[in-house]
């Protein structure tokens, strides 16, 4: 049924004028992000990756693995000061990506779960 509806929708979209196409794209965008001037929805809290907790440390540690992923993809995890392992939130993610692309010194430390048992 979904396949038939998608096919009918594709046929209808084929005959839209340029203005109708722009209106439709705008509707899809605003359905996802909301109208201009509204506050965006709160981001979801980071997901816990491992229920086990290590001993507390003085700073958070970002773990990045680029070796076993397809081209231009990587895995990222954050070990918090309390010792929990979780996904990075949006601010932490953006900070790390800017460090990688910018002129700041950045070194990768390869992390193997087999080498560092909890």
C-alpha atoms as a PDB file:
ATOM      1  CA  UNK A   1       0.000   0.000   0.000  1.00  0.00           C
ATOM      2  CA  UNK A   2       2.820   2.402   0.892  1.00  0.00           C
ATOM      3  CA  UNK A   3       4.506   1.659  -2.395  1.00  0.00           C
ATOM      4  CA  UNK A   4       1.343   2.471  -4.358  1.00  0.00           C
ATOM      5  CA  UNK A   5       0.776   5.710  -2.432  1.00  0.00           C
ATOM      6  CA  UNK A   6       4.408   6.756  -2.950  1.00  0.00           C
ATOM      7  CA  UNK A   7       4.088   6.076  -6.674  1.00  0.00           C
ATOM      8  CA  UNK A   8       0.874   8.134  -6.919  1.00  0.00           C
ATOM      9  CA  UNK A   9       2.518  10.971  -5.007  1.00  0.00           C
ATOM     10  CA  UNK A  10       5.524  10.896  -7.349  1.00  0.00           C
ATOM     11  CA  UNK A  11       3.187  11.143 -10.366  1.00  0.00           C
ATOM     12  CA  UNK A  12       1.359  14.115  -8.806  1.00  0.00           C
ATOM     13  CA  UNK A  13       4.634  15.848  -7.958  1.00  0.00           C
ATOM     14  CA  UNK A  14       5.803  15.508 -11.544  1.00  0.00           C
ATOM     15  CA  UNK A  15       3.154  17.978 -12.719  1.00  0.00           C
ATOM     16  CA  UNK A  16       3.641  20.694 -10.076  1.00  0.00           C
ATOM     17  CA  UNK A  17       4.641  24.180 -11.199  1.00  0.00           C
ATOM     18  CA  UNK A  18       7.833  25.799  -9.874  1.00  0.00           C
ATOM     19  CA  UNK A  19       5.903  27.845  -7.302  1.00  0.00           C
ATOM     20  CA  UNK A  20       3.996  24.788  -6.099  1.00  0.00           C
ATOM     21  CA  UNK A  21       7.280  22.889  -5.759  1.00  0.00           C
ATOM     22  CA  UNK A  22       8.750  25.719  -3.641  1.00  0.00           C
ATOM     23  CA  UNK A  23       5.601  25.845  -1.498  1.00  0.00           C
ATOM     24  CA  UNK A  24       5.749  22.107  -0.945  1.00  0.00           C
ATOM     25  CA  UNK A  25       9.459  22.231  -0.019  1.00  0.00           C
ATOM     26  CA  UNK A  26       8.713  25.078   2.402  1.00  0.00           C
ATOM     27  CA  UNK A  27       5.904  23.081   4.022  1.00  0.00           C
ATOM     28  CA  UNK A  28       8.206  20.100   4.502  1.00  0.00           C
ATOM     29  CA  UNK A  29      10.925  22.336   5.996  1.00  0.00           C
ATOM     30  CA  UNK A  30       8.571  24.095   8.412  1.00  0.00           C
ATOM     31  CA  UNK A  31       6.977  20.790   9.405  1.00  0.00           C
ATOM     32  CA  UNK A  32      10.425  19.642  10.501  1.00  0.00           C
ATOM     33  CA  UNK A  33      11.912  22.831  12.024  1.00  0.00           C
ATOM     34  CA  UNK A  34       8.875  24.987  12.847  1.00  0.00           C
ATOM     35  CA  UNK A  35       7.958  28.464  11.639  1.00  0.00           C
ATOM     36  CA  UNK A  36      10.480  31.323  11.586  1.00  0.00           C
ATOM     37  CA  UNK A  37      10.792  32.942  15.007  1.00  0.00           C
ATOM     38  CA  UNK A  38       9.671  29.943  17.022  1.00  0.00           C
ATOM     39  CA  UNK A  39      12.013  28.292  19.466  1.00  0.00           C
ATOM     40  CA  UNK A  40      13.415  24.961  18.314  1.00  0.00           C
ATOM     41  CA  UNK A  41      12.467  21.862  20.275  1.00  0.00           C
ATOM     42  CA  UNK A  42      14.763  20.786  23.103  1.00  0.00           C
ATOM     43  CA  UNK A  43      17.397  18.296  21.928  1.00  0.00           C
ATOM     44  CA  UNK A  44      17.055  14.761  23.187  1.00  0.00           C
ATOM     45  CA  UNK A  45      19.318  13.853  26.115  1.00  0.00           C
ATOM     46  CA  UNK A  46      22.422  11.853  25.149  1.00  0.00           C
ATOM     47  CA  UNK A  47      21.937   8.085  25.148  1.00  0.00           C
ATOM     48  CA  UNK A  48      23.860   5.980  27.670  1.00  0.00           C
ATOM     49  CA  UNK A  49      26.096   3.568  25.770  1.00  0.00           C
ATOM     50  CA  UNK A  50      27.208   1.338  28.629  1.00  0.00           C
ATOM     51  CA  UNK A  51      25.615   0.846  32.067  1.00  0.00           C
ATOM     52  CA  UNK A  52      28.999   0.112  33.683  1.00  0.00           C
ATOM     53  CA  UNK A  53      30.723   3.069  35.354  1.00  0.00           C
ATOM     54  CA  UNK A  54      34.480   3.603  35.671  1.00  0.00           C
ATOM     55  CA  UNK A  55      36.138   5.531  38.499  1.00  0.00           C
ATOM     56  CA  UNK A  56      35.605   9.337  38.376  1.00  0.00           C
ATOM     57  CA  UNK A  57      38.195  11.549  36.654  1.00  0.00           C
ATOM     58  CA  UNK A  58      39.022  15.279  36.588  1.00  0.00           C
ATOM     59  CA  UNK A  59      37.812  15.822  33.012  1.00  0.00           C
ATOM     60  CA  UNK A  60      35.583  14.284  30.380  1.00  0.00           C
ATOM     61  CA  UNK A  61      37.255  12.135  27.720  1.00  0.00           C
ATOM     62  CA  UNK A  62      36.073  11.991  24.104  1.00  0.00           C
ATOM     63  CA  UNK A  63      36.670   8.623  22.399  1.00  0.00           C
ATOM     64  CA  UNK A  64      36.774   8.654  18.595  1.00  0.00           C
ATOM     65  CA  UNK A  65      37.213   5.623  16.342  1.00  0.00           C
ATOM     66  CA  UNK A  66      37.751   6.186  12.633  1.00  0.00           C
ATOM     67  CA  UNK A  67      39.501   3.000  11.605  1.00  0.00           C
ATOM     68  CA  UNK A  68      36.672   0.499  11.132  1.00  0.00           C
ATOM     69  CA  UNK A  69      34.057   2.799   9.615  1.00  0.00           C
ATOM     70  CA  UNK A  70      33.365   3.399   5.903  1.00  0.00           C
ATOM     71  CA  UNK A  71      34.905   6.449   4.234  1.00  0.00           C
ATOM     72  CA  UNK A  72      34.274   9.811   5.971  1.00  0.00           C
ATOM     73  CA  UNK A  73      32.361   8.255   8.877  1.00  0.00           C
ATOM     74  CA  UNK A  74      33.443   7.767  12.451  1.00  0.00           C
ATOM     75  CA  UNK A  75      32.178   6.673  15.844  1.00  0.00           C
ATOM     76  CA  UNK A  76      32.240   9.007  18.838  1.00  0.00           C
ATOM     77  CA  UNK A  77      31.609   8.387  22.546  1.00  0.00           C
ATOM     78  CA  UNK A  78      32.121  10.501  25.676  1.00  0.00           C
ATOM     79  CA  UNK A  79      33.378   9.257  29.040  1.00  0.00           C
ATOM     80  CA  UNK A  80      31.962  11.752  31.568  1.00  0.00           C
ATOM     81  CA  UNK A  81      33.720  12.968  34.727  1.00  0.00           C
ATOM     82  CA  UNK A  82      31.501  10.621  36.737  1.00  0.00           C
ATOM     83  CA  UNK A  83      32.753   7.675  34.664  1.00  0.00           C
ATOM     84  CA  UNK A  84      29.646   6.942  32.548  1.00  0.00           C
ATOM     85  CA  UNK A  85      29.950   6.249  28.808  1.00  0.00           C
ATOM     86  CA  UNK A  86      27.413   8.089  26.656  1.00  0.00           C
ATOM     87  CA  UNK A  87      26.874   9.692  23.258  1.00  0.00           C
ATOM     88  CA  UNK A  88      28.107  13.308  22.935  1.00  0.00           C
ATOM     89  CA  UNK A  89      25.465  16.031  22.896  1.00  0.00           C
ATOM     90  CA  UNK A  90      25.278  18.498  20.007  1.00  0.00           C
ATOM     91  CA  UNK A  91      27.643  21.079  21.555  1.00  0.00           C
ATOM     92  CA  UNK A  92      30.331  18.491  22.333  1.00  0.00           C
ATOM     93  CA  UNK A  93      29.983  16.988  18.858  1.00  0.00           C
ATOM     94  CA  UNK A  94      30.347  20.397  17.147  1.00  0.00           C
ATOM     95  CA  UNK A  95      33.336  21.328  19.323  1.00  0.00           C
ATOM     96  CA  UNK A  96      35.210  18.162  18.368  1.00  0.00           C
ATOM     97  CA  UNK A  97      34.401  18.554  14.663  1.00  0.00           C
ATOM     98  CA  UNK A  98      35.663  22.171  14.709  1.00  0.00           C
ATOM     99  CA  UNK A  99      38.876  21.065  16.410  1.00  0.00           C
ATOM    100  CA  UNK A 100      39.443  18.445  13.733  1.00  0.00           C
ATOM    101  CA  UNK A 101      38.872  20.911  10.879  1.00  0.00           C
ATOM    102  CA  UNK A 102      40.502  23.981  12.451  1.00  0.00           C
ATOM    103  CA  UNK A 103      44.090  24.937  13.182  1.00  0.00           C
ATOM    104  CA  UNK A 104      43.974  23.645  16.769  1.00  0.00           C
ATOM    105  CA  UNK A 105      46.288  20.708  17.517  1.00  0.00           C
ATOM    106  CA  UNK A 106      44.287  17.497  17.643  1.00  0.00           C
ATOM    107  CA  UNK A 107      45.584  13.959  18.036  1.00  0.00           C
ATOM    108  CA  UNK A 108      43.705  10.704  17.767  1.00  0.00           C
ATOM    109  CA  UNK A 109      44.242   8.103  20.463  1.00  0.00           C
ATOM    110  CA  UNK A 110      43.185   4.701  19.195  1.00  0.00           C
ATOM    111  CA  UNK A 111      40.809   3.043  21.648  1.00  0.00           C
ATOM    112  CA  UNK A 112      40.356  -0.722  21.636  1.00  0.00           C
ATOM    113  CA  UNK A 113      37.807  -2.168  24.037  1.00  0.00           C
ATOM    114  CA  UNK A 114      39.914  -5.344  24.268  1.00  0.00           C
ATOM    115  CA  UNK A 115      42.944  -3.359  25.478  1.00  0.00           C
ATOM    116  CA  UNK A 116      41.012  -1.396  28.101  1.00  0.00           C
ATOM    117  CA  UNK A 117      38.630  -3.710  29.953  1.00  0.00           C
ATOM    118  CA  UNK A 118      36.432  -1.984  32.496  1.00  0.00           C
END
